């Protein structure tokens, strides 16, 4: 049988009564015969199993993982500026030609 708590609206006392579910709630205070109302109590809920607490050991989902940190380029290195598609291939060809010329001069001198 459940235990119900009541509060008197006139004198303010609180009391408990054991009642069946099908019993009507009390309407009269046993001390002053004033009107009473049931006091709603918080219910103790116990969650059993894993996954209810942040401290549980479980794998993080892909949406909860932090994004990878991007590495910054080392200081002192020159950054290449973005060039339009046609111009970037021209720059690469010029750099390749310079490298070939330097290799050719190094072999001829040695």
C-alpha atoms as a PDB file:
ATOM      1  CA  UNK A   1       0.000   0.000   0.000  1.00  0.00           C
ATOM      2  CA  UNK A   2       1.303   3.445  -0.881  1.00  0.00           C
ATOM      3  CA  UNK A   3       1.993   6.086   1.712  1.00  0.00           C
ATOM      4  CA  UNK A   4       0.455   9.498   0.934  1.00  0.00           C
ATOM      5  CA  UNK A   5       1.372  12.822   2.503  1.00  0.00           C
ATOM      6  CA  UNK A   6      -1.307  15.447   3.141  1.00  0.00           C
ATOM      7  CA  UNK A   7      -1.131  19.109   4.176  1.00  0.00           C
ATOM      8  CA  UNK A   8      -3.856  21.058   5.922  1.00  0.00           C
ATOM      9  CA  UNK A   9      -4.737  24.354   4.251  1.00  0.00           C
ATOM     10  CA  UNK A  10      -5.895  25.982   7.530  1.00  0.00           C
ATOM     11  CA  UNK A  11      -3.390  24.944  10.214  1.00  0.00           C
ATOM     12  CA  UNK A  12      -0.532  23.873   7.874  1.00  0.00           C
ATOM     13  CA  UNK A  13       0.310  20.545   9.526  1.00  0.00           C
ATOM     14  CA  UNK A  14       1.543  17.678   7.407  1.00  0.00           C
ATOM     15  CA  UNK A  15       0.615  14.056   8.027  1.00  0.00           C
ATOM     16  CA  UNK A  16       0.888  10.715   6.270  1.00  0.00           C
ATOM     17  CA  UNK A  17      -1.683   7.998   5.653  1.00  0.00           C
ATOM     18  CA  UNK A  18      -1.411   4.540   4.119  1.00  0.00           C
ATOM     19  CA  UNK A  19      -4.206   4.075   1.604  1.00  0.00           C
ATOM     20  CA  UNK A  20      -5.145   1.671  -1.159  1.00  0.00           C
ATOM     21  CA  UNK A  21      -5.021   2.945  -4.726  1.00  0.00           C
ATOM     22  CA  UNK A  22      -8.789   2.754  -5.014  1.00  0.00           C
ATOM     23  CA  UNK A  23      -9.413   4.694  -1.758  1.00  0.00           C
ATOM     24  CA  UNK A  24     -10.638   8.277  -2.078  1.00  0.00           C
ATOM     25  CA  UNK A  25      -8.131  10.958  -0.945  1.00  0.00           C
ATOM     26  CA  UNK A  26      -8.732  12.493   2.484  1.00  0.00           C
ATOM     27  CA  UNK A  27     -10.600  15.803   2.555  1.00  0.00           C
ATOM     28  CA  UNK A  28     -10.559  16.706   6.260  1.00  0.00           C
ATOM     29  CA  UNK A  29      -7.704  17.474   8.659  1.00  0.00           C
ATOM     30  CA  UNK A  30      -7.683  15.150  11.729  1.00  0.00           C
ATOM     31  CA  UNK A  31      -6.641  18.073  14.012  1.00  0.00           C
ATOM     32  CA  UNK A  32      -8.726  21.094  12.967  1.00  0.00           C
ATOM     33  CA  UNK A  33     -11.221  19.570  10.493  1.00  0.00           C
ATOM     34  CA  UNK A  34      -9.989  21.977   7.789  1.00  0.00           C
ATOM     35  CA  UNK A  35      -9.581  20.987   4.152  1.00  0.00           C
ATOM     36  CA  UNK A  36      -6.436  19.077   3.135  1.00  0.00           C
ATOM     37  CA  UNK A  37      -4.648  18.354  -0.135  1.00  0.00           C
ATOM     38  CA  UNK A  38      -2.183  15.680  -1.188  1.00  0.00           C
ATOM     39  CA  UNK A  39       1.451  16.728  -1.365  1.00  0.00           C
ATOM     40  CA  UNK A  40       3.135  15.429  -4.492  1.00  0.00           C
ATOM     41  CA  UNK A  41       6.549  13.980  -3.683  1.00  0.00           C
ATOM     42  CA  UNK A  42       9.421  13.615  -6.155  1.00  0.00           C
ATOM     43  CA  UNK A  43       9.846  10.044  -7.259  1.00  0.00           C
ATOM     44  CA  UNK A  44      13.224   8.364  -6.894  1.00  0.00           C
ATOM     45  CA  UNK A  45      14.191   6.989 -10.288  1.00  0.00           C
ATOM     46  CA  UNK A  46      17.135   4.663 -10.650  1.00  0.00           C
ATOM     47  CA  UNK A  47      18.515   4.125 -14.140  1.00  0.00           C
ATOM     48  CA  UNK A  48      20.247   0.785 -14.391  1.00  0.00           C
ATOM     49  CA  UNK A  49      22.596  -0.260 -17.162  1.00  0.00           C
ATOM     50  CA  UNK A  50      25.252   1.529 -19.155  1.00  0.00           C
ATOM     51  CA  UNK A  51      24.934   4.724 -21.132  1.00  0.00           C
ATOM     52  CA  UNK A  52      23.155   6.904 -18.579  1.00  0.00           C
ATOM     53  CA  UNK A  53      26.145   8.703 -17.097  1.00  0.00           C
ATOM     54  CA  UNK A  54      28.942  10.674 -18.718  1.00  0.00           C
ATOM     55  CA  UNK A  55      31.462   8.651 -16.717  1.00  0.00           C
ATOM     56  CA  UNK A  56      30.384   5.365 -18.326  1.00  0.00           C
ATOM     57  CA  UNK A  57      32.959   3.755 -20.545  1.00  0.00           C
ATOM     58  CA  UNK A  58      31.625   3.912 -24.053  1.00  0.00           C
ATOM     59  CA  UNK A  59      32.954   4.821 -27.441  1.00  0.00           C
ATOM     60  CA  UNK A  60      32.385   8.333 -28.671  1.00  0.00           C
ATOM     61  CA  UNK A  61      30.290   8.596 -31.795  1.00  0.00           C
ATOM     62  CA  UNK A  62      31.779  10.271 -34.832  1.00  0.00           C
ATOM     63  CA  UNK A  63      29.592  13.339 -34.259  1.00  0.00           C
ATOM     64  CA  UNK A  64      30.916  13.800 -30.715  1.00  0.00           C
ATOM     65  CA  UNK A  65      34.610  13.628 -31.581  1.00  0.00           C
ATOM     66  CA  UNK A  66      36.588  16.835 -31.806  1.00  0.00           C
ATOM     67  CA  UNK A  67      37.759  17.820 -35.281  1.00  0.00           C
ATOM     68  CA  UNK A  68      41.432  17.261 -36.018  1.00  0.00           C
ATOM     69  CA  UNK A  69      43.623  20.240 -35.275  1.00  0.00           C
ATOM     70  CA  UNK A  70      45.321  21.780 -38.285  1.00  0.00           C
ATOM     71  CA  UNK A  71      49.039  22.252 -38.000  1.00  0.00           C
ATOM     72  CA  UNK A  72      50.441  25.683 -38.659  1.00  0.00           C
ATOM     73  CA  UNK A  73      53.347  25.982 -41.102  1.00  0.00           C
ATOM     74  CA  UNK A  74      56.738  26.484 -39.420  1.00  0.00           C
ATOM     75  CA  UNK A  75      57.697  30.097 -38.875  1.00  0.00           C
ATOM     76  CA  UNK A  76      60.258  31.546 -41.243  1.00  0.00           C
ATOM     77  CA  UNK A  77      59.087  29.619 -44.304  1.00  0.00           C
ATOM     78  CA  UNK A  78      57.685  31.570 -47.176  1.00  0.00           C
ATOM     79  CA  UNK A  79      54.082  30.982 -48.021  1.00  0.00           C
ATOM     80  CA  UNK A  80      53.220  30.553 -51.667  1.00  0.00           C
ATOM     81  CA  UNK A  81      50.421  32.779 -52.831  1.00  0.00           C
ATOM     82  CA  UNK A  82      47.494  31.155 -54.590  1.00  0.00           C
ATOM     83  CA  UNK A  83      47.662  31.739 -58.313  1.00  0.00           C
ATOM     84  CA  UNK A  84      45.057  31.108 -60.997  1.00  0.00           C
ATOM     85  CA  UNK A  85      45.190  27.594 -62.480  1.00  0.00           C
ATOM     86  CA  UNK A  86      46.955  28.617 -65.720  1.00  0.00           C
ATOM     87  CA  UNK A  87      49.637  30.677 -63.989  1.00  0.00           C
ATOM     88  CA  UNK A  88      50.513  28.091 -61.346  1.00  0.00           C
ATOM     89  CA  UNK A  89      51.589  25.561 -63.998  1.00  0.00           C
ATOM     90  CA  UNK A  90      53.790  28.235 -65.650  1.00  0.00           C
ATOM     91  CA  UNK A  91      55.514  28.983 -62.346  1.00  0.00           C
ATOM     92  CA  UNK A  92      56.128  25.275 -61.750  1.00  0.00           C
ATOM     93  CA  UNK A  93      57.679  24.883 -65.226  1.00  0.00           C
ATOM     94  CA  UNK A  94      60.015  27.856 -64.636  1.00  0.00           C
ATOM     95  CA  UNK A  95      61.119  26.420 -61.278  1.00  0.00           C
ATOM     96  CA  UNK A  96      61.772  23.035 -62.897  1.00  0.00           C
ATOM     97  CA  UNK A  97      63.887  24.673 -65.632  1.00  0.00           C
ATOM     98  CA  UNK A  98      65.949  26.575 -63.017  1.00  0.00           C
ATOM     99  CA  UNK A  99      66.582  23.343 -61.112  1.00  0.00           C
ATOM    100  CA  UNK A 100      67.749  21.591 -64.311  1.00  0.00           C
ATOM    101  CA  UNK A 101      70.087  24.483 -65.175  1.00  0.00           C
ATOM    102  CA  UNK A 102      71.603  24.447 -61.660  1.00  0.00           C
ATOM    103  CA  UNK A 103      72.216  20.706 -61.894  1.00  0.00           C
ATOM    104  CA  UNK A 104      73.839  21.122 -65.303  1.00  0.00           C
ATOM    105  CA  UNK A 105      76.165  23.903 -64.074  1.00  0.00           C
ATOM    106  CA  UNK A 106      77.129  21.896 -61.005  1.00  0.00           C
ATOM    107  CA  UNK A 107      78.179  18.857 -63.097  1.00  0.00           C
ATOM    108  CA  UNK A 108      80.115  20.931 -65.669  1.00  0.00           C
ATOM    109  CA  UNK A 109      82.076  22.765 -62.980  1.00  0.00           C
ATOM    110  CA  UNK A 110      82.952  19.590 -61.015  1.00  0.00           C
END
